[in-house]
Amino acid sequence: MAKVYRCVTIHWQRRVEFPLFHLCWEIMEKLKTKMAENVADLNVEIVGVNWLSEDGKKILRVMIDCATAPVDLDLCAKVSGRIDELLDETLDNGEYFLDVCSAGAERFLHDETEVRASVGKYVRVTFKQPQDKLTEFKGYLGWENGNYTLDGFIKSRKKILTFAYATVEKIQLSVKI
């Protein structure tokens, strides 16, 4: 049986992390699906599952988001407890730390499915080529007539920018100040 150290943290900034060792992508997706099933009644979304190494320690980081409540330490602890047994049954990778954390207030959206789920939220979009003379724009994300829209301001003037997903270089949730 693998020895697991439980670690519950909240990460507000996302860092680039490199995998410590690779599990087959299919296995990781199945694991993510099983985790999601275990926490479905908490209205928690499993945003990402990553293996990484910090200070020579193996860490399985599970990033979560919740639409109905803020991701706080109590929620991270609940999720950690729910998936702990599942991991004992599924993984046989020796000792590792389980780190359940928030996906972050300004997390990147990695595919169009995540972008679609973020309609109505405030985002920052960087375009591959300028759109209406803009390479970057912040605003509320919308969906209209098969295209995305951003409803924001440029120098205190309201602007609605329409764009296709294919024109996006990167998109991330943003905090409006």
C-alpha atoms as a PDB file:
ATOM      1  CA  MET A   1       0.000   0.000   0.000  1.00  0.00           C
ATOM      2  CA  ALA A   2       1.286   3.445  -0.912  1.00  0.00           C
ATOM      3  CA  LYS A   3       2.025   5.839   1.913  1.00  0.00           C
ATOM      4  CA  VAL A   4       0.154   9.101   1.324  1.00  0.00           C
ATOM      5  CA  TYR A   5       0.733  12.382   3.101  1.00  0.00           C
ATOM      6  CA  ARG A   6      -2.263  14.674   2.910  1.00  0.00           C
ATOM      7  CA  CYS A   7      -1.606  18.308   2.228  1.00  0.00           C
ATOM      8  CA  VAL A   8      -4.378  20.837   1.684  1.00  0.00           C
ATOM      9  CA  THR A   9      -3.493  24.265   0.320  1.00  0.00           C
ATOM     10  CA  ILE A  10      -5.035  27.085  -1.608  1.00  0.00           C
ATOM     11  CA  HIS A  11      -3.053  28.437  -4.557  1.00  0.00           C
ATOM     12  CA  TRP A  12      -4.109  31.806  -5.865  1.00  0.00           C
ATOM     13  CA  GLN A  13      -1.450  32.008  -8.569  1.00  0.00           C
ATOM     14  CA  ARG A  14      -0.766  29.345 -11.132  1.00  0.00           C
ATOM     15  CA  ARG A  15       2.826  28.321 -11.742  1.00  0.00           C
ATOM     16  CA  VAL A  16       4.215  26.368 -14.648  1.00  0.00           C
ATOM     17  CA  GLU A  17       4.962  22.899 -13.338  1.00  0.00           C
ATOM     18  CA  PHE A  18       6.674  19.972 -15.009  1.00  0.00           C
ATOM     19  CA  PRO A  19       5.509  16.374 -14.523  1.00  0.00           C
ATOM     20  CA  LEU A  20       7.661  14.260 -12.255  1.00  0.00           C
ATOM     21  CA  PHE A  21       6.741  11.071 -14.014  1.00  0.00           C
ATOM     22  CA  HIS A  22       4.178  10.261 -16.609  1.00  0.00           C
ATOM     23  CA  LEU A  23       1.078   8.204 -16.227  1.00  0.00           C
ATOM     24  CA  CYS A  24      -0.632   7.452 -19.471  1.00  0.00           C
ATOM     25  CA  TRP A  25      -2.958  10.317 -20.466  1.00  0.00           C
ATOM     26  CA  GLU A  26      -5.907   7.931 -20.584  1.00  0.00           C
ATOM     27  CA  ILE A  27      -5.249   6.748 -17.026  1.00  0.00           C
ATOM     28  CA  MET A  28      -5.057  10.344 -15.781  1.00  0.00           C
ATOM     29  CA  GLU A  29      -8.323  11.198 -17.548  1.00  0.00           C
ATOM     30  CA  LYS A  30     -10.033   8.141 -16.032  1.00  0.00           C
ATOM     31  CA  LEU A  31      -8.693   9.110 -12.618  1.00  0.00           C
ATOM     32  CA  LYS A  32      -9.958  12.668 -13.084  1.00  0.00           C
ATOM     33  CA  THR A  33     -13.398  11.301 -14.069  1.00  0.00           C
ATOM     34  CA  LYS A  34     -13.544   9.024 -11.007  1.00  0.00           C
ATOM     35  CA  MET A  35     -12.518  11.922  -8.766  1.00  0.00           C
ATOM     36  CA  ALA A  36     -15.251  14.094 -10.300  1.00  0.00           C
ATOM     37  CA  GLU A  37     -17.841  11.386  -9.589  1.00  0.00           C
ATOM     38  CA  ASN A  38     -16.703  11.158  -5.941  1.00  0.00           C
ATOM     39  CA  VAL A  39     -17.159  14.895  -5.351  1.00  0.00           C
ATOM     40  CA  ALA A  40     -20.160  15.586  -7.607  1.00  0.00           C
ATOM     41  CA  ASP A  41     -22.516  16.198  -4.672  1.00  0.00           C
ATOM     42  CA  LEU A  42     -20.207  18.998  -3.445  1.00  0.00           C
ATOM     43  CA  ASN A  43     -20.692  20.863  -6.786  1.00  0.00           C
ATOM     44  CA  VAL A  44     -16.932  20.717  -7.280  1.00  0.00           C
ATOM     45  CA  GLU A  45     -15.243  20.573 -10.666  1.00  0.00           C
ATOM     46  CA  ILE A  46     -11.877  18.821 -10.970  1.00  0.00           C
ATOM     47  CA  VAL A  47     -10.022  21.310 -13.160  1.00  0.00           C
ATOM     48  CA  GLY A  48      -6.675  19.548 -13.349  1.00  0.00           C
ATOM     49  CA  VAL A  49      -4.613  16.661 -12.039  1.00  0.00           C
ATOM     50  CA  ASN A  50      -0.812  16.951 -12.230  1.00  0.00           C
ATOM     51  CA  TRP A  51       2.186  15.012 -10.995  1.00  0.00           C
ATOM     52  CA  LEU A  52       5.078  17.250 -10.006  1.00  0.00           C
ATOM     53  CA  SER A  53       8.115  17.398  -7.811  1.00  0.00           C
ATOM     54  CA  GLU A  54       8.958  20.047  -5.251  1.00  0.00           C
ATOM     55  CA  ASP A  55      12.001  19.761  -3.003  1.00  0.00           C
ATOM     56  CA  GLY A  56      12.459  16.147  -4.098  1.00  0.00           C
ATOM     57  CA  LYS A  57       8.951  15.110  -3.038  1.00  0.00           C
ATOM     58  CA  LYS A  58       6.372  13.514  -5.338  1.00  0.00           C
ATOM     59  CA  ILE A  59       3.132  15.490  -5.325  1.00  0.00           C
ATOM     60  CA  LEU A  60      -0.212  14.721  -6.902  1.00  0.00           C
ATOM     61  CA  ARG A  61      -1.841  18.130  -7.278  1.00  0.00           C
ATOM     62  CA  VAL A  62      -5.606  18.172  -7.781  1.00  0.00           C
ATOM     63  CA  MET A  63      -6.957  21.604  -8.755  1.00  0.00           C
ATOM     64  CA  ILE A  64     -10.630  22.282  -8.075  1.00  0.00           C
ATOM     65  CA  ASP A  65     -13.228  24.952  -8.726  1.00  0.00           C
ATOM     66  CA  CYS A  66     -16.720  25.418  -7.327  1.00  0.00           C
ATOM     67  CA  ALA A  67     -19.456  27.496  -8.937  1.00  0.00           C
ATOM     68  CA  THR A  68     -21.670  27.634  -5.830  1.00  0.00           C
ATOM     69  CA  ALA A  69     -19.142  28.578  -3.135  1.00  0.00           C
ATOM     70  CA  PRO A  70     -15.618  29.915  -2.765  1.00  0.00           C
ATOM     71  CA  VAL A  71     -12.825  27.350  -2.749  1.00  0.00           C
ATOM     72  CA  ASP A  72     -11.600  27.578   0.826  1.00  0.00           C
ATOM     73  CA  LEU A  73      -9.554  25.345   3.104  1.00  0.00           C
ATOM     74  CA  ASP A  74     -12.642  23.466   4.352  1.00  0.00           C
ATOM     75  CA  LEU A  75     -13.745  22.579   0.824  1.00  0.00           C
ATOM     76  CA  CYS A  76     -10.214  21.462  -0.117  1.00  0.00           C
ATOM     77  CA  ALA A  77     -10.138  19.238   2.986  1.00  0.00           C
ATOM     78  CA  LYS A  78     -13.528  17.678   2.111  1.00  0.00           C
ATOM     79  CA  VAL A  79     -12.413  16.931  -1.435  1.00  0.00           C
ATOM     80  CA  SER A  80      -9.105  15.536  -0.181  1.00  0.00           C
ATOM     81  CA  GLY A  81     -10.919  13.158   2.150  1.00  0.00           C
ATOM     82  CA  ARG A  82     -13.265  11.992  -0.600  1.00  0.00           C
ATOM     83  CA  ILE A  83     -10.573  11.177  -3.143  1.00  0.00           C
ATOM     84  CA  ASP A  84      -8.014   9.762  -0.697  1.00  0.00           C
ATOM     85  CA  GLU A  85      -9.482   6.221  -0.719  1.00  0.00           C
ATOM     86  CA  LEU A  86      -9.941   6.270  -4.486  1.00  0.00           C
ATOM     87  CA  LEU A  87      -6.261   7.058  -4.912  1.00  0.00           C
ATOM     88  CA  ASP A  88      -5.249   4.209  -2.594  1.00  0.00           C
ATOM     89  CA  GLU A  89      -7.186   1.803  -4.832  1.00  0.00           C
ATOM     90  CA  THR A  90      -5.997   3.286  -8.128  1.00  0.00           C
ATOM     91  CA  LEU A  91      -2.395   4.397  -7.688  1.00  0.00           C
ATOM     92  CA  ASP A  92       0.610   2.349  -6.707  1.00  0.00           C
ATOM     93  CA  ASN A  93       3.352   4.942  -7.037  1.00  0.00           C
ATOM     94  CA  GLY A  94       5.018   4.679  -3.639  1.00  0.00           C
ATOM     95  CA  GLU A  95       4.976   7.662  -1.314  1.00  0.00           C
ATOM     96  CA  TYR A  96       3.471  10.897  -2.519  1.00  0.00           C
ATOM     97  CA  PHE A  97       1.760  13.991  -1.183  1.00  0.00           C
ATOM     98  CA  LEU A  98      -1.839  14.745  -2.140  1.00  0.00           C
ATOM     99  CA  ASP A  99      -2.305  18.476  -2.650  1.00  0.00           C
ATOM    100  CA  VAL A 100      -5.889  19.641  -3.252  1.00  0.00           C
ATOM    101  CA  CYS A 101      -5.994  23.328  -4.153  1.00  0.00           C
ATOM    102  CA  SER A 102      -7.973  26.040  -5.887  1.00  0.00           C
ATOM    103  CA  ALA A 103      -7.447  26.314  -9.631  1.00  0.00           C
ATOM    104  CA  GLY A 104      -6.943  30.035  -9.049  1.00  0.00           C
ATOM    105  CA  ALA A 105      -8.880  33.215  -9.573  1.00  0.00           C
ATOM    106  CA  GLU A 106      -6.925  34.020 -12.742  1.00  0.00           C
ATOM    107  CA  ARG A 107      -6.459  30.571 -14.197  1.00  0.00           C
ATOM    108  CA  PHE A 108      -5.878  29.936 -17.880  1.00  0.00           C
ATOM    109  CA  LEU A 109      -8.637  28.285 -19.894  1.00  0.00           C
ATOM    110  CA  HIS A 110      -7.072  25.453 -21.879  1.00  0.00           C
ATOM    111  CA  ASP A 111      -9.715  24.480 -24.416  1.00  0.00           C
ATOM    112  CA  GLU A 112     -12.961  25.657 -25.937  1.00  0.00           C
ATOM    113  CA  THR A 113     -15.021  23.577 -23.507  1.00  0.00           C
ATOM    114  CA  GLU A 114     -13.573  25.565 -20.591  1.00  0.00           C
ATOM    115  CA  VAL A 115     -14.105  28.814 -22.511  1.00  0.00           C
ATOM    116  CA  ARG A 116     -17.766  27.946 -23.173  1.00  0.00           C
ATOM    117  CA  ALA A 117     -18.256  27.169 -19.480  1.00  0.00           C
ATOM    118  CA  SER A 118     -16.861  30.625 -18.647  1.00  0.00           C
ATOM    119  CA  VAL A 119     -19.436  32.638 -20.601  1.00  0.00           C
ATOM    120  CA  GLY A 120     -20.594  35.488 -18.372  1.00  0.00           C
ATOM    121  CA  LYS A 121     -17.283  35.719 -16.508  1.00  0.00           C
ATOM    122  CA  TYR A 122     -14.683  38.456 -16.696  1.00  0.00           C
ATOM    123  CA  VAL A 123     -11.700  37.315 -18.816  1.00  0.00           C
ATOM    124  CA  ARG A 124      -8.505  38.559 -20.443  1.00  0.00           C
ATOM    125  CA  VAL A 125      -7.965  37.460 -24.043  1.00  0.00           C
ATOM    126  CA  THR A 126      -4.734  37.696 -26.022  1.00  0.00           C
ATOM    127  CA  PHE A 127      -5.222  37.332 -29.767  1.00  0.00           C
ATOM    128  CA  LYS A 128      -2.913  35.734 -32.352  1.00  0.00           C
ATOM    129  CA  GLN A 129      -3.478  38.698 -34.668  1.00  0.00           C
ATOM    130  CA  PRO A 130      -4.941  42.102 -33.758  1.00  0.00           C
ATOM    131  CA  GLN A 131      -8.734  42.181 -33.603  1.00  0.00           C
ATOM    132  CA  ASP A 132     -10.083  45.649 -34.231  1.00  0.00           C
ATOM    133  CA  LYS A 133      -6.511  46.940 -33.627  1.00  0.00           C
ATOM    134  CA  LEU A 134      -6.359  45.140 -30.243  1.00  0.00           C
ATOM    135  CA  THR A 135      -3.982  42.322 -29.341  1.00  0.00           C
ATOM    136  CA  GLU A 136      -5.339  42.028 -25.799  1.00  0.00           C
ATOM    137  CA  PHE A 137      -8.708  42.892 -24.305  1.00  0.00           C
ATOM    138  CA  LYS A 138     -10.499  42.383 -20.988  1.00  0.00           C
ATOM    139  CA  GLY A 139     -14.224  42.112 -20.619  1.00  0.00           C
ATOM    140  CA  TYR A 140     -17.218  39.945 -19.870  1.00  0.00           C
ATOM    141  CA  LEU A 141     -17.278  36.904 -22.119  1.00  0.00           C
ATOM    142  CA  GLY A 142     -20.425  36.304 -24.146  1.00  0.00           C
ATOM    143  CA  TRP A 143     -21.690  33.983 -26.880  1.00  0.00           C
ATOM    144  CA  GLU A 144     -23.727  35.345 -29.767  1.00  0.00           C
ATOM    145  CA  ASN A 145     -24.535  33.982 -33.236  1.00  0.00           C
ATOM    146  CA  GLY A 146     -21.768  31.378 -33.187  1.00  0.00           C
ATOM    147  CA  ASN A 147     -19.038  33.802 -32.055  1.00  0.00           C
ATOM    148  CA  TYR A 148     -17.694  34.934 -28.733  1.00  0.00           C
ATOM    149  CA  THR A 149     -18.038  38.519 -27.560  1.00  0.00           C
ATOM    150  CA  LEU A 150     -16.125  40.582 -25.022  1.00  0.00           C
ATOM    151  CA  ASP A 151     -17.971  43.432 -23.368  1.00  0.00           C
ATOM    152  CA  GLY A 152     -15.431  45.836 -21.872  1.00  0.00           C
ATOM    153  CA  PHE A 153     -13.999  49.337 -21.926  1.00  0.00           C
ATOM    154  CA  ILE A 154     -11.168  51.093 -23.741  1.00  0.00           C
ATOM    155  CA  LYS A 155     -10.230  54.433 -22.158  1.00  0.00           C
ATOM    156  CA  SER A 156     -13.638  54.649 -20.454  1.00  0.00           C
ATOM    157  CA  ARG A 157     -15.511  53.951 -23.703  1.00  0.00           C
ATOM    158  CA  LYS A 158     -17.703  50.867 -23.865  1.00  0.00           C
ATOM    159  CA  LYS A 159     -16.605  48.386 -26.522  1.00  0.00           C
ATOM    160  CA  ILE A 160     -18.037  45.047 -27.600  1.00  0.00           C
ATOM    161  CA  LEU A 161     -15.542  42.915 -29.501  1.00  0.00           C
ATOM    162  CA  THR A 162     -16.691  39.872 -31.497  1.00  0.00           C
ATOM    163  CA  PHE A 163     -14.207  37.088 -32.235  1.00  0.00           C
ATOM    164  CA  ALA A 164     -13.861  33.403 -33.115  1.00  0.00           C
ATOM    165  CA  TYR A 165     -12.117  30.928 -30.796  1.00  0.00           C
ATOM    166  CA  ALA A 166      -9.547  30.197 -33.533  1.00  0.00           C
ATOM    167  CA  THR A 167      -8.186  33.760 -33.207  1.00  0.00           C
ATOM    168  CA  VAL A 168      -7.323  33.337 -29.511  1.00  0.00           C
ATOM    169  CA  GLU A 169      -3.709  32.850 -28.458  1.00  0.00           C
ATOM    170  CA  LYS A 170      -4.555  32.554 -24.760  1.00  0.00           C
ATOM    171  CA  ILE A 171      -7.481  33.289 -22.512  1.00  0.00           C
ATOM    172  CA  GLN A 172      -7.677  33.426 -18.762  1.00  0.00           C
ATOM    173  CA  LEU A 173     -10.151  34.321 -16.071  1.00  0.00           C
ATOM    174  CA  SER A 174      -9.469  37.756 -14.676  1.00  0.00           C
ATOM    175  CA  VAL A 175     -10.345  39.754 -11.605  1.00  0.00           C
ATOM    176  CA  LYS A 176     -12.045  43.065 -12.251  1.00  0.00           C
ATOM    177  CA  ILE A 177     -10.694  45.806 -10.044  1.00  0.00           C
END
